[in-house]
Amino acid sequence: MVTDTAPFRNPNYHEATDLPPTMDFERLARVTLGLEAVVQQLAKAK
């Protein structure tokens, strides 16, 4: 988990209604790509 703000973005978080149709997969993909870029940059900084 990158942040602890999931309940603010998805009211279904950890509820019975927390199912794939309630997810924003487009946003999730953008965040994942951004995190990958950050990790790559941090790896190069060593």
Foldseek 3Di string as FASTA:
>chain_A
DPDPCVCVVQVCVPHPPPDVVRDDVVVVVVVVVVVVVVVVVVVVVD
